[in-house]
C-alpha atoms as a PDB file:
ATOM      1  CA  MET A   1      62.207 -30.906 190.461  1.00  0.00           C
ATOM      2  CA  LYS A   2      64.602 -32.431 188.258  1.00  0.00           C
ATOM      3  CA  THR A   3      67.588 -30.826 187.212  1.00  0.00           C
ATOM      4  CA  ASP A   4      70.496 -32.540 185.224  1.00  0.00           C
ATOM      5  CA  ALA A   5      73.294 -29.871 184.903  1.00  0.00           C
ATOM      6  CA  GLN A   6      75.844 -32.257 183.608  1.00  0.00           C
ATOM      7  CA  THR A   7      76.933 -31.735 179.992  1.00  0.00           C
ATOM      8  CA  PHE A   8      78.673 -34.485 177.887  1.00  0.00           C
ATOM      9  CA  GLU A   9      81.397 -34.257 175.394  1.00  0.00           C
ATOM     10  CA  ARG A  10      81.016 -36.747 172.451  1.00  0.00           C
ATOM     11  CA  VAL A  11      84.516 -39.089 172.772  1.00  0.00           C
ATOM     12  CA  GLY A  12      84.456 -42.148 170.258  1.00  0.00           C
ATOM     13  CA  ALA A  13      81.591 -44.058 171.187  1.00  0.00           C
ATOM     14  CA  ALA A  14      81.527 -43.279 174.607  1.00  0.00           C
ATOM     15  CA  THR A  15      80.045 -39.996 176.855  1.00  0.00           C
ATOM     16  CA  HIS A  16      82.038 -38.107 179.395  1.00  0.00           C
ATOM     17  CA  PRO A  17      81.014 -35.889 181.915  1.00  0.00           C
ATOM     18  CA  ILE A  18      82.326 -32.579 181.861  1.00  0.00           C
ATOM     19  CA  SER A  19      83.241 -31.033 184.770  1.00  0.00           C
ATOM     20  CA  ASP A  20      85.418 -27.615 185.686  1.00  0.00           C
ATOM     21  CA  SER A  21      85.493 -27.674 189.373  1.00  0.00           C
ATOM     22  CA  ALA A  22      85.149 -31.357 190.375  1.00  0.00           C
ATOM     23  CA  ALA A  23      88.375 -31.338 192.132  1.00  0.00           C
ATOM     24  CA  GLU A  24      87.367 -28.584 193.903  1.00  0.00           C
ATOM     25  CA  ILE A  25      84.167 -29.972 195.504  1.00  0.00           C
ATOM     26  CA  ASN A  26      86.235 -32.858 196.198  1.00  0.00           C
ATOM     27  CA  GLU A  27      88.497 -31.145 198.570  1.00  0.00           C
ATOM     28  CA  PRO A  28      87.855 -30.575 202.184  1.00  0.00           C
ATOM     29  CA  ALA A  29      86.222 -26.835 202.821  1.00  0.00           C
ATOM     30  CA  ASP A  30      88.532 -24.516 205.028  1.00  0.00           C
ATOM     31  CA  ALA A  31      86.751 -22.063 207.239  1.00  0.00           C
ATOM     32  CA  ALA A  32      86.562 -19.287 204.680  1.00  0.00           C
ATOM     33  CA  SER A  33      85.317 -21.692 201.945  1.00  0.00           C
ATOM     34  CA  ALA A  34      82.707 -22.970 204.473  1.00  0.00           C
ATOM     35  CA  ALA A  35      81.258 -19.619 205.338  1.00  0.00           C
ATOM     36  CA  ARG A  36      80.932 -18.540 201.936  1.00  0.00           C
ATOM     37  CA  ALA A  37      79.032 -21.675 201.342  1.00  0.00           C
ATOM     38  CA  ALA A  38      76.854 -21.055 204.080  1.00  0.00           C
ATOM     39  CA  ASP A  39      75.994 -17.443 202.978  1.00  0.00           C
ATOM     40  CA  ASN A  40      75.565 -18.606 199.373  1.00  0.00           C
ATOM     41  CA  ILE A  41      72.765 -21.335 200.819  1.00  0.00           C
ATOM     42  CA  LEU A  42      71.210 -18.646 203.121  1.00  0.00           C
ATOM     43  CA  LEU A  43      70.875 -15.780 200.287  1.00  0.00           C
ATOM     44  CA  TRP A  44      69.236 -18.813 197.948  1.00  0.00           C
ATOM     45  CA  THR A  45      66.638 -19.802 200.866  1.00  0.00           C
ATOM     46  CA  SER A  46      65.283 -15.804 199.963  1.00  0.00           C
ATOM     47  CA  TYR A  47      64.462 -16.668 196.670  1.00  0.00           C
ATOM     48  CA  LEU A  48      64.561 -20.134 195.694  1.00  0.00           C
ATOM     49  CA  PRO A  49      62.445 -23.396 196.850  1.00  0.00           C
ATOM     50  CA  PRO A  50      64.279 -26.143 199.031  1.00  0.00           C
ATOM     51  CA  ASP A  51      64.273 -28.601 196.410  1.00  0.00           C
ATOM     52  CA  CYS A  52      66.225 -26.395 194.159  1.00  0.00           C
ATOM     53  CA  ILE A  53      68.445 -25.388 197.132  1.00  0.00           C
ATOM     54  CA  LYS A  54      68.904 -29.329 197.773  1.00  0.00           C
ATOM     55  CA  SER A  55      69.782 -29.720 194.009  1.00  0.00           C
ATOM     56  CA  MET A  56      72.196 -26.885 193.833  1.00  0.00           C
ATOM     57  CA  ILE A  57      74.248 -28.111 197.204  1.00  0.00           C
ATOM     58  CA  ALA A  58      74.217 -31.861 195.211  1.00  0.00           C
ATOM     59  CA  MET A  59      75.847 -30.310 192.595  1.00  0.00           C
ATOM     60  CA  GLY A  60      78.631 -28.251 194.500  1.00  0.00           C
ATOM     61  CA  TRP A  61      77.175 -25.068 193.443  1.00  0.00           C
ATOM     62  CA  ASP A  62      77.341 -23.702 197.300  1.00  0.00           C
ATOM     63  CA  ARG A  63      81.141 -24.393 197.032  1.00  0.00           C
ATOM     64  CA  THR A  64      81.947 -23.123 193.472  1.00  0.00           C
ATOM     65  CA  THR A  65      79.596 -19.886 193.160  1.00  0.00           C
END
C-alpha cells in the first residue's frame, strides 16, 4: 500500500511540504506521549493492516493524534 499524505503549497516555481506538527514529531517523547502513542498503535492494530500502521507511524500520526 502506498500512501502520500503530504500536501504541497506552490511558492513561485518551487513547492514546499506543509506540516503543522513536524517540530513536535522531531522532539523526544516524554513518558505520557510515549504511552499515548503506544495506546494509539494498539487501537489501530485492532482494525488496520500492518502496512497501513507502519505508514502512519512513519508519518508521525502515533505522536500527533
